[in-house]
N, C-alpha and C. Protein backbone atom coordinates (compact mmCIF):
# COMPACT_ATOMS: atom_id res chain seq x y z
N MET A 1 -18.71 27.56 33.22
CA MET A 1 -19.10 27.82 31.85
C MET A 1 -20.59 28.11 31.80
N LYS A 2 -20.95 29.08 30.98
CA LYS A 2 -22.37 29.37 30.88
C LYS A 2 -23.01 28.41 29.87
N ASN A 3 -24.30 28.24 30.00
CA ASN A 3 -25.03 27.30 29.18
C ASN A 3 -25.56 27.99 27.92
N ASP A 4 -25.39 27.39 26.77
CA ASP A 4 -25.95 27.90 25.53
C ASP A 4 -27.29 27.21 25.33
N THR A 5 -28.37 27.92 25.56
CA THR A 5 -29.70 27.29 25.54
C THR A 5 -30.17 26.96 24.14
N THR A 6 -29.62 27.62 23.11
CA THR A 6 -30.10 27.35 21.76
C THR A 6 -29.62 26.01 21.23
N LEU A 7 -28.47 25.58 21.68
CA LEU A 7 -27.93 24.32 21.18
C LEU A 7 -27.89 23.24 22.26
N GLY A 8 -28.16 23.61 23.49
CA GLY A 8 -28.10 22.63 24.57
C GLY A 8 -26.70 22.21 24.92
N ARG A 9 -25.71 23.04 24.56
CA ARG A 9 -24.32 22.74 24.85
C ARG A 9 -23.74 23.81 25.75
N LYS A 10 -22.65 23.48 26.38
CA LYS A 10 -21.95 24.45 27.19
C LYS A 10 -21.12 25.36 26.29
N ASP A 11 -20.97 26.59 26.72
CA ASP A 11 -20.15 27.55 26.00
C ASP A 11 -18.70 27.09 26.04
N ASP A 12 -18.06 27.03 24.88
CA ASP A 12 -16.69 26.51 24.79
C ASP A 12 -15.68 27.64 24.60
N SER A 13 -15.89 28.78 25.27
CA SER A 13 -15.01 29.93 25.06
C SER A 13 -13.87 29.95 26.07
N ARG A 14 -13.12 28.88 26.10
CA ARG A 14 -11.94 28.81 26.96
C ARG A 14 -10.77 29.46 26.27
N PRO A 15 -9.82 29.97 27.02
CA PRO A 15 -8.64 30.58 26.39
C PRO A 15 -7.79 29.52 25.68
N PHE A 16 -7.08 29.97 24.67
CA PHE A 16 -6.18 29.08 23.93
C PHE A 16 -5.09 28.56 24.87
N GLN A 17 -4.87 27.26 24.81
CA GLN A 17 -3.80 26.65 25.59
C GLN A 17 -2.99 25.74 24.68
N PHE A 18 -1.68 25.95 24.68
CA PHE A 18 -0.79 25.15 23.85
C PHE A 18 -0.88 23.68 24.23
N THR A 19 -0.96 23.38 25.52
CA THR A 19 -1.03 21.99 25.96
C THR A 19 -2.31 21.33 25.47
N GLY A 20 -3.38 22.11 25.36
CA GLY A 20 -4.63 21.57 24.82
C GLY A 20 -4.49 21.19 23.36
N ARG A 21 -3.73 21.97 22.60
CA ARG A 21 -3.51 21.65 21.18
C ARG A 21 -2.66 20.39 21.06
N ILE A 22 -1.68 20.25 21.93
CA ILE A 22 -0.85 19.03 21.91
C ILE A 22 -1.74 17.81 22.18
N ARG A 23 -2.63 17.94 23.16
CA ARG A 23 -3.56 16.84 23.45
C ARG A 23 -4.42 16.53 22.24
N SER A 24 -4.87 17.56 21.54
CA SER A 24 -5.69 17.36 20.34
C SER A 24 -4.93 16.56 19.29
N PHE A 25 -3.65 16.89 19.09
CA PHE A 25 -2.84 16.14 18.14
C PHE A 25 -2.68 14.69 18.58
N ARG A 26 -2.47 14.48 19.87
CA ARG A 26 -2.35 13.11 20.38
C ARG A 26 -3.62 12.31 20.11
N HIS A 27 -4.77 12.94 20.35
CA HIS A 27 -6.05 12.25 20.09
C HIS A 27 -6.21 11.94 18.60
N ALA A 28 -5.83 12.90 17.76
CA ALA A 28 -5.93 12.70 16.32
C ALA A 28 -5.03 11.55 15.86
N ILE A 29 -3.81 11.53 16.35
CA ILE A 29 -2.87 10.45 15.98
C ILE A 29 -3.39 9.12 16.50
N ALA A 30 -3.93 9.10 17.72
CA ALA A 30 -4.51 7.86 18.26
C ALA A 30 -5.66 7.38 17.38
N GLY A 31 -6.45 8.31 16.87
CA GLY A 31 -7.56 7.94 15.99
C GLY A 31 -7.06 7.34 14.68
N ILE A 32 -6.02 7.93 14.12
CA ILE A 32 -5.45 7.39 12.88
C ILE A 32 -4.90 5.99 13.12
N LEU A 33 -4.18 5.82 14.22
CA LEU A 33 -3.62 4.50 14.53
C LEU A 33 -4.72 3.47 14.78
N ARG A 34 -5.79 3.89 15.45
CA ARG A 34 -6.93 2.99 15.69
C ARG A 34 -7.53 2.55 14.36
N MET A 35 -7.70 3.50 13.44
CA MET A 35 -8.25 3.18 12.12
C MET A 35 -7.36 2.17 11.41
N ILE A 36 -6.05 2.40 11.45
CA ILE A 36 -5.13 1.49 10.75
C ILE A 36 -5.15 0.10 11.39
N ARG A 37 -5.26 0.05 12.73
CA ARG A 37 -5.28 -1.25 13.41
C ARG A 37 -6.55 -2.04 13.13
N CYS A 38 -7.69 -1.37 13.04
CA CYS A 38 -8.95 -2.13 13.03
C CYS A 38 -9.65 -2.18 11.68
N GLN A 39 -9.20 -1.42 10.71
CA GLN A 39 -9.88 -1.40 9.41
C GLN A 39 -8.99 -2.07 8.36
N HIS A 40 -9.43 -3.21 7.87
CA HIS A 40 -8.63 -3.93 6.89
C HIS A 40 -8.41 -3.12 5.62
N ASN A 41 -9.41 -2.35 5.21
CA ASN A 41 -9.22 -1.53 4.01
C ASN A 41 -8.16 -0.46 4.22
N ALA A 42 -7.98 -0.01 5.45
CA ALA A 42 -6.92 0.96 5.73
C ALA A 42 -5.56 0.34 5.47
N TRP A 43 -5.44 -0.96 5.68
CA TRP A 43 -4.18 -1.65 5.39
C TRP A 43 -3.89 -1.57 3.89
N ILE A 44 -4.93 -1.75 3.09
CA ILE A 44 -4.76 -1.65 1.64
C ILE A 44 -4.36 -0.22 1.26
N HIS A 45 -5.02 0.77 1.86
CA HIS A 45 -4.67 2.17 1.59
C HIS A 45 -3.24 2.47 2.02
N LEU A 46 -2.82 1.88 3.13
CA LEU A 46 -1.46 2.10 3.61
C LEU A 46 -0.44 1.51 2.63
N ALA A 47 -0.72 0.31 2.15
CA ALA A 47 0.18 -0.32 1.16
C ALA A 47 0.20 0.49 -0.14
N ALA A 48 -0.98 0.93 -0.59
CA ALA A 48 -1.04 1.73 -1.82
C ALA A 48 -0.31 3.06 -1.63
N THR A 49 -0.47 3.67 -0.46
CA THR A 49 0.24 4.92 -0.18
C THR A 49 1.74 4.73 -0.24
N ALA A 50 2.23 3.67 0.39
CA ALA A 50 3.67 3.39 0.38
C ALA A 50 4.16 3.14 -1.05
N LEU A 51 3.41 2.38 -1.82
CA LEU A 51 3.78 2.07 -3.20
C LEU A 51 3.83 3.34 -4.05
N VAL A 52 2.82 4.18 -3.92
CA VAL A 52 2.76 5.42 -4.71
C VAL A 52 3.89 6.37 -4.31
N LEU A 53 4.13 6.51 -3.01
CA LEU A 53 5.23 7.38 -2.57
C LEU A 53 6.58 6.86 -3.08
N ALA A 54 6.77 5.55 -3.01
CA ALA A 54 8.02 4.97 -3.52
C ALA A 54 8.16 5.22 -5.01
N ALA A 55 7.07 5.04 -5.75
CA ALA A 55 7.11 5.28 -7.21
C ALA A 55 7.40 6.74 -7.49
N GLY A 56 6.81 7.64 -6.71
CA GLY A 56 7.07 9.06 -6.90
C GLY A 56 8.53 9.41 -6.71
N PHE A 57 9.15 8.83 -5.68
CA PHE A 57 10.59 9.07 -5.46
C PHE A 57 11.43 8.39 -6.54
N LEU A 58 11.06 7.18 -6.92
CA LEU A 58 11.80 6.44 -7.94
C LEU A 58 11.79 7.19 -9.27
N PHE A 59 10.62 7.67 -9.67
CA PHE A 59 10.50 8.35 -10.96
C PHE A 59 10.86 9.84 -10.88
N GLN A 60 11.16 10.30 -9.68
CA GLN A 60 11.48 11.72 -9.46
C GLN A 60 10.44 12.62 -10.12
N VAL A 61 9.19 12.43 -9.70
CA VAL A 61 8.09 13.18 -10.30
C VAL A 61 8.24 14.67 -9.99
N SER A 62 7.61 15.48 -10.81
CA SER A 62 7.69 16.93 -10.67
C SER A 62 6.92 17.41 -9.43
N ALA A 63 7.16 18.64 -9.05
CA ALA A 63 6.47 19.22 -7.90
C ALA A 63 4.96 19.26 -8.15
N ALA A 64 4.56 19.58 -9.37
CA ALA A 64 3.13 19.61 -9.70
C ALA A 64 2.52 18.21 -9.57
N ASP A 65 3.25 17.20 -10.02
CA ASP A 65 2.77 15.83 -9.88
C ASP A 65 2.66 15.43 -8.41
N TRP A 66 3.63 15.88 -7.59
CA TRP A 66 3.56 15.59 -6.15
C TRP A 66 2.30 16.20 -5.54
N CYS A 67 1.92 17.36 -6.01
CA CYS A 67 0.68 17.98 -5.50
C CYS A 67 -0.52 17.09 -5.77
N TRP A 68 -0.61 16.54 -6.97
CA TRP A 68 -1.71 15.63 -7.31
C TRP A 68 -1.65 14.35 -6.48
N ILE A 69 -0.45 13.83 -6.30
CA ILE A 69 -0.28 12.61 -5.50
C ILE A 69 -0.74 12.85 -4.06
N ILE A 70 -0.29 13.94 -3.48
CA ILE A 70 -0.66 14.26 -2.10
C ILE A 70 -2.16 14.49 -1.98
N LEU A 71 -2.73 15.19 -2.95
CA LEU A 71 -4.18 15.43 -2.93
C LEU A 71 -4.96 14.11 -3.02
N ALA A 72 -4.54 13.23 -3.91
CA ALA A 72 -5.23 11.95 -4.07
C ALA A 72 -5.10 11.10 -2.81
N ILE A 73 -3.91 11.01 -2.26
CA ILE A 73 -3.69 10.21 -1.05
C ILE A 73 -4.50 10.77 0.12
N SER A 74 -4.44 12.08 0.30
CA SER A 74 -5.14 12.67 1.45
C SER A 74 -6.65 12.55 1.30
N THR A 75 -7.15 12.59 0.09
CA THR A 75 -8.60 12.44 -0.12
C THR A 75 -9.06 11.03 0.25
N VAL A 76 -8.30 10.04 -0.16
CA VAL A 76 -8.66 8.66 0.16
C VAL A 76 -8.59 8.44 1.67
N TRP A 77 -7.53 8.92 2.31
CA TRP A 77 -7.40 8.73 3.76
C TRP A 77 -8.48 9.48 4.52
N THR A 78 -8.85 10.66 4.04
CA THR A 78 -9.93 11.41 4.68
C THR A 78 -11.24 10.65 4.56
N ALA A 79 -11.54 10.14 3.38
CA ALA A 79 -12.77 9.36 3.19
C ALA A 79 -12.77 8.12 4.08
N GLU A 80 -11.64 7.44 4.16
CA GLU A 80 -11.56 6.23 4.99
C GLU A 80 -11.74 6.58 6.46
N ALA A 81 -11.14 7.69 6.90
CA ALA A 81 -11.28 8.10 8.30
C ALA A 81 -12.73 8.46 8.62
N LEU A 82 -13.37 9.21 7.74
CA LEU A 82 -14.78 9.57 7.97
C LEU A 82 -15.67 8.33 7.94
N ASN A 83 -15.40 7.41 7.05
CA ASN A 83 -16.16 6.16 6.99
C ASN A 83 -15.99 5.37 8.28
N THR A 84 -14.76 5.29 8.77
CA THR A 84 -14.49 4.56 10.01
C THR A 84 -15.21 5.21 11.18
N ALA A 85 -15.14 6.53 11.27
CA ALA A 85 -15.83 7.24 12.35
C ALA A 85 -17.33 7.02 12.26
N PHE A 86 -17.86 7.07 11.05
CA PHE A 86 -19.29 6.84 10.85
C PHE A 86 -19.69 5.43 11.27
N GLU A 87 -18.87 4.45 10.93
CA GLU A 87 -19.16 3.07 11.33
C GLU A 87 -19.16 2.92 12.84
N PHE A 88 -18.19 3.53 13.53
CA PHE A 88 -18.15 3.47 14.99
C PHE A 88 -19.42 4.08 15.58
N LEU A 89 -19.82 5.25 15.08
CA LEU A 89 -21.02 5.91 15.59
C LEU A 89 -22.27 5.09 15.29
N ALA A 90 -22.35 4.55 14.10
CA ALA A 90 -23.52 3.76 13.72
C ALA A 90 -23.64 2.52 14.59
N ASP A 91 -22.51 1.87 14.86
CA ASP A 91 -22.52 0.68 15.71
C ASP A 91 -22.92 1.03 17.15
N ALA A 92 -22.49 2.20 17.62
CA ALA A 92 -22.85 2.62 18.98
C ALA A 92 -24.34 2.97 19.06
N ALA A 93 -24.83 3.63 18.03
CA ALA A 93 -26.23 4.06 18.02
C ALA A 93 -27.19 2.90 17.81
N SER A 94 -26.77 1.91 17.05
CA SER A 94 -27.64 0.79 16.74
C SER A 94 -26.84 -0.51 16.77
N PRO A 95 -26.57 -1.04 17.98
CA PRO A 95 -25.78 -2.27 18.08
C PRO A 95 -26.45 -3.47 17.40
N GLU A 96 -27.76 -3.48 17.38
CA GLU A 96 -28.49 -4.54 16.68
C GLU A 96 -28.60 -4.17 15.20
N PHE A 97 -28.74 -5.18 14.37
CA PHE A 97 -28.87 -4.94 12.93
C PHE A 97 -30.08 -4.07 12.63
N HIS A 98 -29.86 -3.10 11.78
CA HIS A 98 -30.96 -2.28 11.27
C HIS A 98 -30.68 -2.00 9.81
N PRO A 99 -31.67 -2.22 8.93
CA PRO A 99 -31.42 -2.05 7.49
C PRO A 99 -30.99 -0.63 7.10
N LEU A 100 -31.47 0.38 7.80
CA LEU A 100 -31.06 1.75 7.46
C LEU A 100 -29.61 2.00 7.86
N VAL A 101 -29.18 1.42 8.96
CA VAL A 101 -27.78 1.55 9.36
C VAL A 101 -26.90 0.83 8.33
N ARG A 102 -27.32 -0.35 7.91
CA ARG A 102 -26.57 -1.07 6.86
C ARG A 102 -26.47 -0.22 5.61
N ASP A 103 -27.59 0.38 5.19
CA ASP A 103 -27.59 1.20 3.98
C ASP A 103 -26.66 2.41 4.14
N ALA A 104 -26.71 3.05 5.31
CA ALA A 104 -25.85 4.21 5.56
C ALA A 104 -24.38 3.82 5.51
N LYS A 105 -24.06 2.67 6.11
CA LYS A 105 -22.68 2.20 6.08
C LYS A 105 -22.24 1.87 4.66
N ASP A 106 -23.14 1.29 3.88
CA ASP A 106 -22.82 0.98 2.49
C ASP A 106 -22.55 2.25 1.68
N VAL A 107 -23.34 3.29 1.92
CA VAL A 107 -23.13 4.55 1.21
C VAL A 107 -21.78 5.16 1.60
N ALA A 108 -21.46 5.13 2.89
CA ALA A 108 -20.17 5.67 3.35
C ALA A 108 -19.01 4.88 2.75
N ALA A 109 -19.16 3.57 2.70
CA ALA A 109 -18.11 2.74 2.08
C ALA A 109 -18.01 3.04 0.58
N GLY A 110 -19.15 3.30 -0.04
CA GLY A 110 -19.15 3.67 -1.45
C GLY A 110 -18.39 4.96 -1.70
N ALA A 111 -18.49 5.89 -0.77
CA ALA A 111 -17.74 7.15 -0.90
C ALA A 111 -16.24 6.89 -0.88
N VAL A 112 -15.80 5.96 -0.04
CA VAL A 112 -14.38 5.60 -0.01
C VAL A 112 -13.98 4.96 -1.34
N LEU A 113 -14.83 4.10 -1.86
CA LEU A 113 -14.55 3.45 -3.14
C LEU A 113 -14.42 4.49 -4.25
N VAL A 114 -15.31 5.46 -4.28
CA VAL A 114 -15.25 6.51 -5.31
C VAL A 114 -13.92 7.26 -5.22
N THR A 115 -13.50 7.63 -4.00
CA THR A 115 -12.24 8.36 -3.87
C THR A 115 -11.05 7.49 -4.25
N ALA A 116 -11.10 6.20 -3.87
CA ALA A 116 -9.99 5.31 -4.20
C ALA A 116 -9.89 5.11 -5.72
N LEU A 117 -11.02 4.95 -6.39
CA LEU A 117 -11.00 4.81 -7.85
C LEU A 117 -10.49 6.08 -8.51
N ALA A 118 -10.93 7.24 -8.02
CA ALA A 118 -10.46 8.51 -8.58
C ALA A 118 -8.95 8.65 -8.37
N ALA A 119 -8.47 8.26 -7.19
CA ALA A 119 -7.03 8.32 -6.92
C ALA A 119 -6.27 7.39 -7.86
N ALA A 120 -6.83 6.22 -8.14
CA ALA A 120 -6.18 5.28 -9.06
C ALA A 120 -6.12 5.87 -10.47
N VAL A 121 -7.18 6.54 -10.88
CA VAL A 121 -7.18 7.18 -12.20
C VAL A 121 -6.13 8.29 -12.24
N ILE A 122 -6.09 9.11 -11.20
CA ILE A 122 -5.07 10.16 -11.12
C ILE A 122 -3.68 9.54 -11.19
N GLY A 123 -3.47 8.46 -10.44
CA GLY A 123 -2.17 7.78 -10.46
C GLY A 123 -1.83 7.25 -11.84
N GLY A 124 -2.81 6.67 -12.51
CA GLY A 124 -2.58 6.16 -13.86
C GLY A 124 -2.19 7.25 -14.83
N ILE A 125 -2.93 8.35 -14.78
CA ILE A 125 -2.63 9.49 -15.67
C ILE A 125 -1.26 10.07 -15.34
N LEU A 126 -0.99 10.19 -14.07
CA LEU A 126 0.25 10.82 -13.63
C LEU A 126 1.48 9.96 -13.92
N PHE A 127 1.39 8.67 -13.60
CA PHE A 127 2.57 7.81 -13.73
C PHE A 127 2.76 7.24 -15.14
N TRP A 128 1.75 7.27 -15.98
CA TRP A 128 1.87 6.67 -17.31
C TRP A 128 3.07 7.20 -18.10
N PRO A 129 3.27 8.51 -18.18
CA PRO A 129 4.43 8.99 -18.95
C PRO A 129 5.77 8.49 -18.38
N TYR A 130 5.87 8.40 -17.07
CA TYR A 130 7.12 7.92 -16.45
C TYR A 130 7.34 6.44 -16.76
N VAL A 131 6.27 5.65 -16.69
CA VAL A 131 6.38 4.21 -16.98
C VAL A 131 6.66 4.01 -18.47
N ALA A 132 6.00 4.79 -19.33
CA ALA A 132 6.19 4.66 -20.78
C ALA A 132 7.65 4.93 -21.16
N ARG A 133 8.28 5.88 -20.47
CA ARG A 133 9.70 6.19 -20.75
C ARG A 133 10.60 5.00 -20.44
N LEU A 134 10.19 4.17 -19.45
CA LEU A 134 11.01 2.99 -19.12
C LEU A 134 11.04 2.00 -20.28
N PHE A 135 9.95 1.92 -21.05
CA PHE A 135 9.85 0.93 -22.10
C PHE A 135 10.18 1.48 -23.49
N SER A 136 10.60 2.74 -23.55
CA SER A 136 10.92 3.29 -24.87
C SER A 136 12.40 3.57 -25.02
């Protein structure tokens, strides 16, 4: 491989290989499983995801509502995954306590909180008519 002097990285112009894509999926799945195993908040997201999916099937929500549900769930999981990756990198870069690392981790966790709250609002708006019909 030739060296790219502008970025200090090796040129990554290898031919497409199907086996390489399979490996990429395996690494991605391993990362998701690692996040679920080691992040307690991911357990909460997993429980909320299961609850929302069950409610969606129970109430037989519309296709448009499913789009909002999937968007909300995927946004929260993406934020949690990025937060987890950021925490791993921050811990590797600064194993000792550093106030800027703490602040960065707090901001990343705040981003997850914002997405989770937005997802809860979407869920409330979306499921309210279905729940209201049960009581009328």
